[in-house]
C-alpha atoms as a PDB file:
ATOM      1  CA  MET A   1     123.854  93.200 103.268  1.00  0.00           C
ATOM      2  CA  HIS A   2     121.310  90.732 104.660  1.00  0.00           C
ATOM      3  CA  PRO A   3     122.722  87.158 104.318  1.00  0.00           C
ATOM      4  CA  GLY A   4     119.793  86.013 102.177  1.00  0.00           C
ATOM      5  CA  ALA A   5     120.113  89.083  99.976  1.00  0.00           C
ATOM      6  CA  ALA A   6     123.826  88.414  99.502  1.00  0.00           C
ATOM      7  CA  VAL A   7     123.191  84.844  98.356  1.00  0.00           C
ATOM      8  CA  TRP A   8     120.398  86.005  96.054  1.00  0.00           C
ATOM      9  CA  PHE A   9     122.604  88.748  94.594  1.00  0.00           C
ATOM     10  CA  ALA A  10     125.320  86.238  93.741  1.00  0.00           C
ATOM     11  CA  GLU A  11     122.938  83.740  92.141  1.00  0.00           C
ATOM     12  CA  HIS A  12     120.280  85.942  90.496  1.00  0.00           C
ATOM     13  CA  THR A  13     122.216  88.985  89.259  1.00  0.00           C
ATOM     14  CA  TYR A  14     123.341  89.038  85.642  1.00  0.00           C
ATOM     15  CA  GLN A  15     126.126  91.583  85.339  1.00  0.00           C
ATOM     16  CA  SER A  16     126.966  90.868  81.690  1.00  0.00           C
ATOM     17  CA  PRO A  17     123.981  89.269  79.932  1.00  0.00           C
ATOM     18  CA  GLN A  18     125.262  87.025  77.134  1.00  0.00           C
ATOM     19  CA  TRP A  19     122.073  85.532  75.711  1.00  0.00           C
ATOM     20  CA  THR A  20     121.911  85.448  71.936  1.00  0.00           C
ATOM     21  CA  LEU A  21     118.725  86.361  70.133  1.00  0.00           C
ATOM     22  CA  ALA A  22     118.557  82.911  68.556  1.00  0.00           C
ATOM     23  CA  ASP A  23     118.867  81.218  71.948  1.00  0.00           C
ATOM     24  CA  LEU A  24     116.132  83.369  73.489  1.00  0.00           C
ATOM     25  CA  VAL A  25     113.774  82.753  70.575  1.00  0.00           C
ATOM     26  CA  CYS A  26     114.368  79.031  70.971  1.00  0.00           C
ATOM     27  CA  ARG A  27     113.831  79.126  74.740  1.00  0.00           C
ATOM     28  CA  LYS A  28     110.702  81.238  74.351  1.00  0.00           C
ATOM     29  CA  GLY A  29     108.854  78.376  72.713  1.00  0.00           C
ATOM     30  CA  SER A  30     105.158  79.137  72.259  1.00  0.00           C
ATOM     31  CA  ARG A  31     105.116  81.990  74.757  1.00  0.00           C
ATOM     32  CA  ARG A  32     104.141  85.428  73.472  1.00  0.00           C
ATOM     33  CA  VAL A  33     106.006  88.602  74.469  1.00  0.00           C
ATOM     34  CA  SER A  34     104.460  92.073  74.661  1.00  0.00           C
ATOM     35  CA  VAL A  35     106.563  95.198  75.102  1.00  0.00           C
ATOM     36  CA  VAL A  36     104.699  98.047  76.780  1.00  0.00           C
ATOM     37  CA  LEU A  37     105.722 101.709  76.985  1.00  0.00           C
ATOM     38  CA  PRO A  38     103.692 103.926  79.336  1.00  0.00           C
ATOM     39  CA  ALA A  39     103.825 107.448  77.904  1.00  0.00           C
ATOM     40  CA  LEU A  40     102.705 110.945  78.828  1.00  0.00           C
ATOM     41  CA  ASP A  41     103.941 113.787  76.605  1.00  0.00           C
ATOM     42  CA  GLU A  42     107.058 111.946  75.421  1.00  0.00           C
ATOM     43  CA  GLU A  43     106.979 113.026  71.769  1.00  0.00           C
ATOM     44  CA  ALA A  44     110.727 113.703  71.727  1.00  0.00           C
ATOM     45  CA  THR A  45     111.834 110.234  72.826  1.00  0.00           C
ATOM     46  CA  VAL A  46     109.085 107.635  72.398  1.00  0.00           C
ATOM     47  CA  GLY A  47     109.844 107.002  68.729  1.00  0.00           C
ATOM     48  CA  SER A  48     113.475 106.121  69.366  1.00  0.00           C
ATOM     49  CA  VAL A  49     112.531 103.734  72.182  1.00  0.00           C
ATOM     50  CA  VAL A  50     110.015 101.973  69.930  1.00  0.00           C
ATOM     51  CA  GLY A  51     112.647 101.907  67.188  1.00  0.00           C
ATOM     52  CA  THR A  52     115.026  99.842  69.305  1.00  0.00           C
ATOM     53  CA  VAL A  53     112.354  97.175  69.826  1.00  0.00           C
ATOM     54  CA  ARG A  54     110.829  97.037  66.346  1.00  0.00           C
ATOM     55  CA  PRO A  55     113.574  94.799  64.828  1.00  0.00           C
ATOM     56  CA  LEU A  56     112.552  92.126  67.349  1.00  0.00           C
ATOM     57  CA  LEU A  57     108.963  91.935  66.049  1.00  0.00           C
ATOM     58  CA  GLY A  58     108.165  88.557  64.580  1.00  0.00           C
ATOM     59  CA  SER A  59     110.942  86.767  66.420  1.00  0.00           C
ATOM     60  CA  LEU A  60     111.392  87.566  70.106  1.00  0.00           C
ATOM     61  CA  VAL A  61     108.512  90.041  70.404  1.00  0.00           C
ATOM     62  CA  GLU A  62     104.913  89.716  69.225  1.00  0.00           C
ATOM     63  CA  GLU A  63     103.679  93.255  69.892  1.00  0.00           C
ATOM     64  CA  ILE A  64     104.817  96.739  70.906  1.00  0.00           C
ATOM     65  CA  VAL A  65     102.157  98.780  72.666  1.00  0.00           C
ATOM     66  CA  VAL A  66     102.447 102.413  73.711  1.00  0.00           C
ATOM     67  CA  MET A  67      99.944 103.139  76.465  1.00  0.00           C
ATOM     68  CA  ASP A  68      99.106 106.836  76.152  1.00  0.00           C
ATOM     69  CA  SER A  69      98.224 108.345  79.517  1.00  0.00           C
ATOM     70  CA  GLY A  70      96.531 111.440  78.070  1.00  0.00           C
ATOM     71  CA  SER A  71      99.312 113.141  76.125  1.00  0.00           C
ATOM     72  CA  THR A  72      98.653 116.587  74.710  1.00  0.00           C
ATOM     73  CA  ASP A  73     101.644 116.626  72.361  1.00  0.00           C
ATOM     74  CA  GLY A  74     102.509 114.370  69.412  1.00  0.00           C
ATOM     75  CA  THR A  75     103.384 111.299  71.477  1.00  0.00           C
ATOM     76  CA  ALA A  76     100.748 109.056  69.880  1.00  0.00           C
ATOM     77  CA  GLU A  77     101.677 110.086  66.335  1.00  0.00           C
ATOM     78  CA  ALA A  78     105.411 109.628  66.961  1.00  0.00           C
ATOM     79  CA  ALA A  79     104.850 106.189  68.475  1.00  0.00           C
ATOM     80  CA  ALA A  80     102.642 105.065  65.603  1.00  0.00           C
ATOM     81  CA  ARG A  81     105.152 106.277  63.015  1.00  0.00           C
ATOM     82  CA  ALA A  82     107.854 104.277  64.757  1.00  0.00           C
ATOM     83  CA  GLY A  83     105.790 101.097  64.491  1.00  0.00           C
ATOM     84  CA  ALA A  84     103.964 100.749  67.805  1.00  0.00           C
ATOM     85  CA  ARG A  85     100.302 100.108  68.398  1.00  0.00           C
ATOM     86  CA  VAL A  86      99.044 103.082  70.364  1.00  0.00           C
ATOM     87  CA  VAL A  87      96.342 102.497  72.970  1.00  0.00           C
ATOM     88  CA  HIS A  88      94.796 105.368  74.865  1.00  0.00           C
ATOM     89  CA  ARG A  89      94.283 104.743  78.554  1.00  0.00           C
ATOM     90  CA  ASP A  90      90.573 105.638  78.386  1.00  0.00           C
ATOM     91  CA  ASP A  91      89.892 103.107  75.620  1.00  0.00           C
ATOM     92  CA  VAL A  92      90.783 100.141  77.843  1.00  0.00           C
ATOM     93  CA  LEU A  93      88.132  99.092  80.350  1.00  0.00           C
ATOM     94  CA  PRO A  94      86.207 102.264  79.472  1.00  0.00           C
ATOM     95  CA  GLU A  95      83.546 101.497  82.057  1.00  0.00           C
ATOM     96  CA  LEU A  96      86.106 102.329  84.763  1.00  0.00           C
ATOM     97  CA  GLU A  97      86.979 105.947  85.446  1.00  0.00           C
ATOM     98  CA  SER A  98      90.643 106.547  84.644  1.00  0.00           C
ATOM     99  CA  TRP A  99      93.145 107.433  87.315  1.00  0.00           C
ATOM    100  CA  ALA A 100      96.183 109.562  86.600  1.00  0.00           C
ATOM    101  CA  GLY A 101      99.642 108.069  86.775  1.00  0.00           C
ATOM    102  CA  LYS A 102     101.967 105.360  85.569  1.00  0.00           C
ATOM    103  CA  GLY A 103     100.495 102.552  87.645  1.00  0.00           C
ATOM    104  CA  GLU A 104      97.136 103.031  86.001  1.00  0.00           C
ATOM    105  CA  VAL A 105      98.379 102.607  82.435  1.00  0.00           C
ATOM    106  CA  LEU A 106     100.546  99.625  83.321  1.00  0.00           C
ATOM    107  CA  TRP A 107      97.531  97.982  84.953  1.00  0.00           C
ATOM    108  CA  ARG A 108      95.299  98.686  81.957  1.00  0.00           C
ATOM    109  CA  SER A 109      98.001  97.389  79.613  1.00  0.00           C
ATOM    110  CA  LEU A 110      97.241  93.882  80.896  1.00  0.00           C
ATOM    111  CA  ALA A 111      93.816  94.163  79.281  1.00  0.00           C
ATOM    112  CA  ALA A 112      95.257  95.625  76.067  1.00  0.00           C
ATOM    113  CA  THR A 113      97.975  93.040  75.381  1.00  0.00           C
ATOM    114  CA  SER A 114      98.180  89.313  74.765  1.00  0.00           C
ATOM    115  CA  GLY A 115     101.690  88.412  75.908  1.00  0.00           C
ATOM    116  CA  ASP A 116     102.464  85.627  78.353  1.00  0.00           C
ATOM    117  CA  VAL A 117     105.457  87.772  79.290  1.00  0.00           C
ATOM    118  CA  LEU A 118     105.428  91.567  79.384  1.00  0.00           C
ATOM    119  CA  VAL A 119     108.389  93.925  79.203  1.00  0.00           C
ATOM    120  CA  PHE A 120     107.924  97.468  80.473  1.00  0.00           C
ATOM    121  CA  LEU A 121     110.141 100.277  79.171  1.00  0.00           C
ATOM    122  CA  ASP A 122     109.858 103.936  80.119  1.00  0.00           C
ATOM    123  CA  ALA A 123     109.169 106.167  77.115  1.00  0.00           C
ATOM    124  CA  ASP A 124     111.513 108.991  78.188  1.00  0.00           C
ATOM    125  CA  LEU A 125     114.737 107.062  77.576  1.00  0.00           C
ATOM    126  CA  VAL A 126     117.461 108.969  75.741  1.00  0.00           C
ATOM    127  CA  ASP A 127     119.731 106.884  73.473  1.00  0.00           C
ATOM    128  CA  PRO A 128     118.000 103.608  74.470  1.00  0.00           C
ATOM    129  CA  ASP A 129     119.973 100.414  73.953  1.00  0.00           C
ATOM    130  CA  PRO A 130     118.482  97.731  71.642  1.00  0.00           C
ATOM    131  CA  ALA A 131     119.830  95.138  74.095  1.00  0.00           C
ATOM    132  CA  PHE A 132     117.416  96.184  76.858  1.00  0.00           C
ATOM    133  CA  VAL A 133     114.539  93.897  75.864  1.00  0.00           C
ATOM    134  CA  PRO A 134     116.601  90.726  75.250  1.00  0.00           C
ATOM    135  CA  ALA A 135     118.475  91.274  78.509  1.00  0.00           C
ATOM    136  CA  LEU A 136     115.265  91.673  80.509  1.00  0.00           C
ATOM    137  CA  LEU A 137     113.752  88.574  78.939  1.00  0.00           C
ATOM    138  CA  GLY A 138     116.790  86.370  79.500  1.00  0.00           C
ATOM    139  CA  PRO A 139     116.135  85.145  83.067  1.00  0.00           C
ATOM    140  CA  ILE A 140     112.401  84.580  82.537  1.00  0.00           C
ATOM    141  CA  LEU A 141     112.948  82.583  79.344  1.00  0.00           C
ATOM    142  CA  THR A 142     115.940  80.582  80.580  1.00  0.00           C
ATOM    143  CA  ARG A 143     115.423  80.158  84.326  1.00  0.00           C
ATOM    144  CA  PRO A 144     112.185  78.365  85.296  1.00  0.00           C
ATOM    145  CA  GLY A 145     110.374  79.930  88.212  1.00  0.00           C
ATOM    146  CA  THR A 146     111.469  83.486  87.476  1.00  0.00           C
ATOM    147  CA  HIS A 147     108.490  85.851  87.430  1.00  0.00           C
ATOM    148  CA  LEU A 148     110.010  89.348  87.734  1.00  0.00           C
ATOM    149  CA  VAL A 149     113.257  90.690  86.269  1.00  0.00           C
ATOM    150  CA  LYS A 150     114.388  94.154  87.291  1.00  0.00           C
ATOM    151  CA  GLY A 151     116.839  96.151  85.221  1.00  0.00           C
ATOM    152  CA  PHE A 152     119.643  98.122  86.829  1.00  0.00           C
ATOM    153  CA  TYR A 153     122.040 100.635  85.324  1.00  0.00           C
ATOM    154  CA  HIS A 154     124.227 103.667  85.735  1.00  0.00           C
ATOM    155  CA  ARG A 155     122.066 106.806  85.712  1.00  0.00           C
ATOM    156  CA  PRO A 156     124.001 109.918  84.712  1.00  0.00           C
ATOM    157  CA  LEU A 157     122.537 113.126  86.079  1.00  0.00           C
ATOM    158  CA  GLY A 158     122.655 115.970  83.539  1.00  0.00           C
ATOM    159  CA  THR A 159     125.913 115.938  81.586  1.00  0.00           C
ATOM    160  CA  ASP A 160     127.836 113.619  83.927  1.00  0.00           C
ATOM    161  CA  ASP A 161     130.214 111.161  82.335  1.00  0.00           C
ATOM    162  CA  ALA A 162     128.342 107.934  81.641  1.00  0.00           C
ATOM    163  CA  ASP A 163     131.390 105.955  82.763  1.00  0.00           C
ATOM    164  CA  GLY A 164     131.726 107.741  86.116  1.00  0.00           C
ATOM    165  CA  GLU A 165     131.324 105.851  89.361  1.00  0.00           C
ATOM    166  CA  ASP A 166     128.188 107.684  90.407  1.00  0.00           C
ATOM    167  CA  GLY A 167     126.301 110.071  88.171  1.00  0.00           C
ATOM    168  CA  GLY A 168     123.951 111.137  90.963  1.00  0.00           C
ATOM    169  CA  GLY A 169     120.828 109.702  89.364  1.00  0.00           C
ATOM    170  CA  GLY A 170     118.301 107.621  91.275  1.00  0.00           C
ATOM    171  CA  ARG A 171     117.910 110.148  94.076  1.00  0.00           C
ATOM    172  CA  VAL A 172     114.583 108.758  95.315  1.00  0.00           C
ATOM    173  CA  THR A 173     116.110 105.281  95.285  1.00  0.00           C
ATOM    174  CA  GLU A 174     119.039 106.269  97.467  1.00  0.00           C
ATOM    175  CA  LEU A 175     117.162 108.594  99.831  1.00  0.00           C
ATOM    176  CA  LEU A 176     113.904 106.645 100.246  1.00  0.00           C
ATOM    177  CA  ALA A 177     113.527 103.249  98.578  1.00  0.00           C
ATOM    178  CA  ARG A 178     116.798 101.663  99.621  1.00  0.00           C
ATOM    179  CA  PRO A 179     116.577 102.814 103.270  1.00  0.00           C
ATOM    180  CA  LEU A 180     112.977 101.585 103.443  1.00  0.00           C
ATOM    181  CA  LEU A 181     113.879  98.145 102.105  1.00  0.00           C
ATOM    182  CA  SER A 182     116.904  97.955 104.384  1.00  0.00           C
ATOM    183  CA  ALA A 183     114.720  98.612 107.429  1.00  0.00           C
ATOM    184  CA  LEU A 184     111.518  96.786 106.514  1.00  0.00           C
ATOM    185  CA  ARG A 185     112.427  94.130 103.944  1.00  0.00           C
ATOM    186  CA  PRO A 186     116.212  93.575 104.191  1.00  0.00           C
ATOM    187  CA  GLU A 187     115.936  90.408 102.102  1.00  0.00           C
ATOM    188  CA  LEU A 188     115.483  92.739  99.107  1.00  0.00           C
ATOM    189  CA  SER A 189     118.506  94.897  99.901  1.00  0.00           C
ATOM    190  CA  GLY A 190     120.402  93.270  97.028  1.00  0.00           C
ATOM    191  CA  VAL A 191     118.109  94.830  94.422  1.00  0.00           C
ATOM    192  CA  VAL A 192     120.203  97.520  92.746  1.00  0.00           C
ATOM    193  CA  GLN A 193     117.339  99.581  91.300  1.00  0.00           C
ATOM    194  CA  PRO A 194     114.102  98.818  93.174  1.00  0.00           C
ATOM    195  CA  LEU A 195     112.368 101.710  91.383  1.00  0.00           C
ATOM    196  CA  ALA A 196     113.583 100.789  87.901  1.00  0.00           C
ATOM    197  CA  GLY A 197     111.006 101.382  85.184  1.00  0.00           C
ATOM    198  CA  GLU A 198     112.585  98.766  82.937  1.00  0.00           C
ATOM    199  CA  TYR A 199     111.538  95.265  83.907  1.00  0.00           C
ATOM    200  CA  SER A 200     109.864  92.111  82.644  1.00  0.00           C
ATOM    201  CA  ALA A 201     107.303  89.894  84.327  1.00  0.00           C
ATOM    202  CA  THR A 202     105.047  86.960  83.628  1.00  0.00           C
ATOM    203  CA  ARG A 203     101.367  87.586  83.043  1.00  0.00           C
ATOM    204  CA  GLU A 204     100.700  84.888  85.623  1.00  0.00           C
ATOM    205  CA  PHE A 205     102.259  87.145  88.251  1.00  0.00           C
ATOM    206  CA  LEU A 206     101.079  90.521  86.962  1.00  0.00           C
ATOM    207  CA  SER A 207      97.437  89.499  86.719  1.00  0.00           C
ATOM    208  CA  SER A 208      97.426  88.071  90.247  1.00  0.00           C
ATOM    209  CA  VAL A 209      98.494  91.163  92.218  1.00  0.00           C
ATOM    210  CA  PRO A 210      97.171  94.699  92.735  1.00  0.00           C
ATOM    211  CA  PHE A 211      98.779  97.626  90.936  1.00  0.00           C
ATOM    212  CA  ALA A 212      99.712 100.665  92.980  1.00  0.00           C
ATOM    213  CA  ALA A 213      98.802 104.144  91.878  1.00  0.00           C
ATOM    214  CA  GLY A 214     101.289 106.264  89.982  1.00  0.00           C
ATOM    215  CA  TYR A 215     104.952 105.958  90.834  1.00  0.00           C
ATOM    216  CA  GLY A 216     104.332 103.397  93.553  1.00  0.00           C
ATOM    217  CA  VAL A 217     103.756 100.677  90.970  1.00  0.00           C
ATOM    218  CA  ASP A 218     107.392  99.663  90.483  1.00  0.00           C
ATOM    219  CA  ILE A 219     108.238  99.023  94.130  1.00  0.00           C
ATOM    220  CA  GLY A 220     104.766  97.611  94.736  1.00  0.00           C
ATOM    221  CA  LEU A 221     105.317  94.889  92.145  1.00  0.00           C
ATOM    222  CA  LEU A 222     108.740  94.115  93.601  1.00  0.00           C
ATOM    223  CA  LEU A 223     107.294  93.675  97.081  1.00  0.00           C
ATOM    224  CA  ASP A 224     104.388  91.605  95.784  1.00  0.00           C
ATOM    225  CA  ALA A 225     106.693  89.348  93.764  1.00  0.00           C
ATOM    226  CA  TYR A 226     108.731  88.668  96.873  1.00  0.00           C
ATOM    227  CA  GLU A 227     105.646  87.895  98.947  1.00  0.00           C
ATOM    228  CA  ARG A 228     104.286  85.549  96.273  1.00  0.00           C
ATOM    229  CA  TYR A 229     107.416  83.764  95.033  1.00  0.00           C
ATOM    230  CA  GLY A 230     110.229  84.613  97.431  1.00  0.00           C
ATOM    231  CA  LEU A 231     113.666  85.678  96.261  1.00  0.00           C
ATOM    232  CA  ASP A 232     113.899  82.751  93.820  1.00  0.00           C
ATOM    233  CA  GLY A 233     111.138  84.305  91.718  1.00  0.00           C
ATOM    234  CA  ILE A 234     113.101  87.525  91.150  1.00  0.00           C
ATOM    235  CA  ALA A 235     116.218  88.289  89.090  1.00  0.00           C
ATOM    236  CA  GLN A 236     118.028  91.425  87.931  1.00  0.00           C
ATOM    237  CA  VAL A 237     120.121  92.304  84.895  1.00  0.00           C
ATOM    238  CA  ASN A 238     122.680  94.994  84.194  1.00  0.00           C
ATOM    239  CA  LEU A 239     121.435  97.221  81.354  1.00  0.00           C
ATOM    240  CA  GLY A 240     124.523  99.419  81.256  1.00  0.00           C
ATOM    241  CA  VAL A 241     123.598 103.097  81.048  1.00  0.00           C
ATOM    242  CA  ARG A 242     120.153 104.662  81.262  1.00  0.00           C
ATOM    243  CA  ARG A 243     119.670 108.305  80.337  1.00  0.00           C
ATOM    244  CA  HIS A 244     116.352 110.052  80.796  1.00  0.00           C
ATOM    245  CA  ARG A 245     114.739 113.335  81.715  1.00  0.00           C
ATOM    246  CA  ASN A 246     115.625 114.264  85.285  1.00  0.00           C
ATOM    247  CA  ARG A 247     112.997 115.843  87.527  1.00  0.00           C
ATOM    248  CA  ASP A 248     113.390 118.675  90.003  1.00  0.00           C
ATOM    249  CA  LEU A 249     113.335 118.115  93.760  1.00  0.00           C
ATOM    250  CA  ARG A 250     109.729 119.210  94.248  1.00  0.00           C
ATOM    251  CA  GLN A 251     108.572 116.650  91.670  1.00  0.00           C
ATOM    252  CA  LEU A 252     110.719 114.007  93.345  1.00  0.00           C
ATOM    253  CA  GLY A 253     109.110 114.865  96.686  1.00  0.00           C
ATOM    254  CA  VAL A 254     105.668 114.067  95.297  1.00  0.00           C
ATOM    255  CA  MET A 255     107.038 110.864  93.768  1.00  0.00           C
ATOM    256  CA  ALA A 256     108.592 109.860  97.081  1.00  0.00           C
ATOM    257  CA  ARG A 257     105.314 110.433  98.942  1.00  0.00           C
ATOM    258  CA  GLN A 258     103.475 108.149  96.547  1.00  0.00           C
ATOM    259  CA  ILE A 259     106.127 105.449  96.837  1.00  0.00           C
ATOM    260  CA  LEU A 260     106.020 105.688 100.631  1.00  0.00           C
ATOM    261  CA  GLY A 261     102.248 105.298 100.558  1.00  0.00           C
ATOM    262  CA  THR A 262     102.561 102.121  98.497  1.00  0.00           C
ATOM    263  CA  VAL A 263     105.143 100.625 100.835  1.00  0.00           C
ATOM    264  CA  LEU A 264     103.035 101.423 103.892  1.00  0.00           C
ATOM    265  CA  ARG A 265      99.979  99.814 102.296  1.00  0.00           C
ATOM    266  CA  ARG A 266     101.983  96.662 101.551  1.00  0.00           C
ATOM    267  CA  TRP A 267     102.797  96.415 105.261  1.00  0.00           C
ATOM    268  CA  GLY A 268      99.212  97.009 106.308  1.00  0.00           C
ATOM    269  CA  ALA A 269     100.087 100.359 107.864  1.00  0.00           C
ATOM    270  CA  PRO A 270      98.022 103.529 107.407  1.00  0.00           C
ATOM    271  CA  ALA A 271      99.225 105.408 104.346  1.00  0.00           C
ATOM    272  CA  GLY A 272      98.111 108.717 105.833  1.00  0.00           C
ATOM    273  CA  ASP A 273      96.413 111.536 103.989  1.00  0.00           C
ATOM    274  CA  ALA A 274      96.939 111.215 100.257  1.00  0.00           C
ATOM    275  CA  ALA A 275      98.676 114.578  99.979  1.00  0.00           C
ATOM    276  CA  ILE A 276     102.004 116.272 100.551  1.00  0.00           C
ATOM    277  CA  THR A 277     102.604 119.882 101.519  1.00  0.00           C
ATOM    278  CA  GLN A 278     105.723 121.530 100.163  1.00  0.00           C
ATOM    279  CA  PHE A 279     106.821 125.127 100.395  1.00  0.00           C
ATOM    280  CA  VAL A 280     107.611 127.556  97.586  1.00  0.00           C
ATOM    281  CA  ARG A 281     109.237 130.949  97.787  1.00  0.00           C
ATOM    282  CA  VAL A 282     107.096 133.751  96.336  1.00  0.00           C
ATOM    283  CA  ALA A 283     108.248 137.371  96.511  1.00  0.00           C
ATOM    284  CA  GLY A 284     110.549 136.552  99.389  1.00  0.00           C
ATOM    285  CA  GLU A 285     107.927 134.649 101.377  1.00  0.00           C
ATOM    286  CA  TRP A 286     107.604 130.911 101.889  1.00  0.00           C
ATOM    287  CA  LEU A 287     104.109 129.659 101.123  1.00  0.00           C
ATOM    288  CA  PRO A 288     102.576 126.170 101.459  1.00  0.00           C
ATOM    289  CA  ASP A 289     101.728 124.239  98.303  1.00  0.00           C
ATOM    290  CA  THR A 290      99.732 121.032  98.821  1.00  0.00           C
ATOM    291  CA  THR A 291      99.582 118.335  96.151  1.00  0.00           C
ATOM    292  CA  SER A 292      97.143 115.421  96.117  1.00  0.00           C
ATOM    293  CA  VAL A 293      98.978 112.091  95.981  1.00  0.00           C
ATOM    294  CA  PRO A 294      96.789 109.042  95.227  1.00  0.00           C
ATOM    295  CA  VAL A 295      97.932 105.913  97.061  1.00  0.00           C
ATOM    296  CA  ASP A 296      95.104 103.497  96.239  1.00  0.00           C
ATOM    297  CA  ASP A 297      95.592 100.195  94.397  1.00  0.00           C
ATOM    298  CA  ARG A 298      93.829  98.735  91.414  1.00  0.00           C
ATOM    299  CA  PRO A 299      92.655  95.156  92.066  1.00  0.00           C
ATOM    300  CA  PRO A 300      94.354  92.151  90.458  1.00  0.00           C
ATOM    301  CA  MET A 301      93.421  92.087  86.785  1.00  0.00           C
ATOM    302  CA  ARG A 302      92.311  88.466  87.030  1.00  0.00           C
ATOM    303  CA  ASP A 303      89.470  89.720  89.259  1.00  0.00           C
ATOM    304  CA  VAL A 304      88.304  92.290  86.694  1.00  0.00           C
ATOM    305  CA  ASP A 305      85.814  91.497  83.930  1.00  0.00           C
ATOM    306  CA  VAL A 306      87.703  92.223  80.706  1.00  0.00           C
ATOM    307  CA  SER A 307      85.276  90.441  78.412  1.00  0.00           C
ATOM    308  CA  SER A 308      84.285  93.737  76.800  1.00  0.00           C
ATOM    309  CA  ARG A 309      87.780  94.755  75.783  1.00  0.00           C
END
């Protein structure tokens, strides 16, 4: 591991978060906390994720917002029943044409929330832990100068034992993100889950940086936090076990292409054509299948007129 990354890992990694709710509420002071769930067709799981956060309303958390990215199932209804405020992507900054993808709804969530600190949770979590939100807030509320807190966890793949050494999850992390960081930004090689969808950040930081399209948003924010604040502005916490819907390899290929495009843009390198060609077997023949992969960024929210929201 890079020497700087090793020092950072020792000083900014919380393996067993021990903050009490009362302590965090006290340390929060007048700051407001918004919990945001980006969601697309997550009817089966979104309600349980919201349910783990709802007991924190009125103490540690001021609002729970589910950002619906165009669901065609009962995601919005399930989220509302569980106690979240549901905001459709197209209803925020409606003068701007909506882009598809996770990065878009996270970016628009800045204009739909009021928190000084935001916590992002993926809506496809299975058996989510109520300790996720307090753990992610701990470093920001207790360690001045912290602007981004990444979660990390064991990710069982399928029916693997949650206590096993390696469940095989995080395939894009191990095959793309970690090698990229090792080669191009080794100072960040101590980040356990650079693509984690569970993280917290200050509005000060989030509103000052661009948001990458789609699945590039998570690593884009990590890279931007490092460029803006250095390693001292970043922390990570152990969230235990994270179970979610696993995607097939073709879907992961598209995800990886988008992440690669974001990383290349952050280094000022050409991102290439915003597409990936994969091959599918049809009636014994291998045929090309090309998918468009947006790699553009949304501008920093502080530069966008949100007076009409």
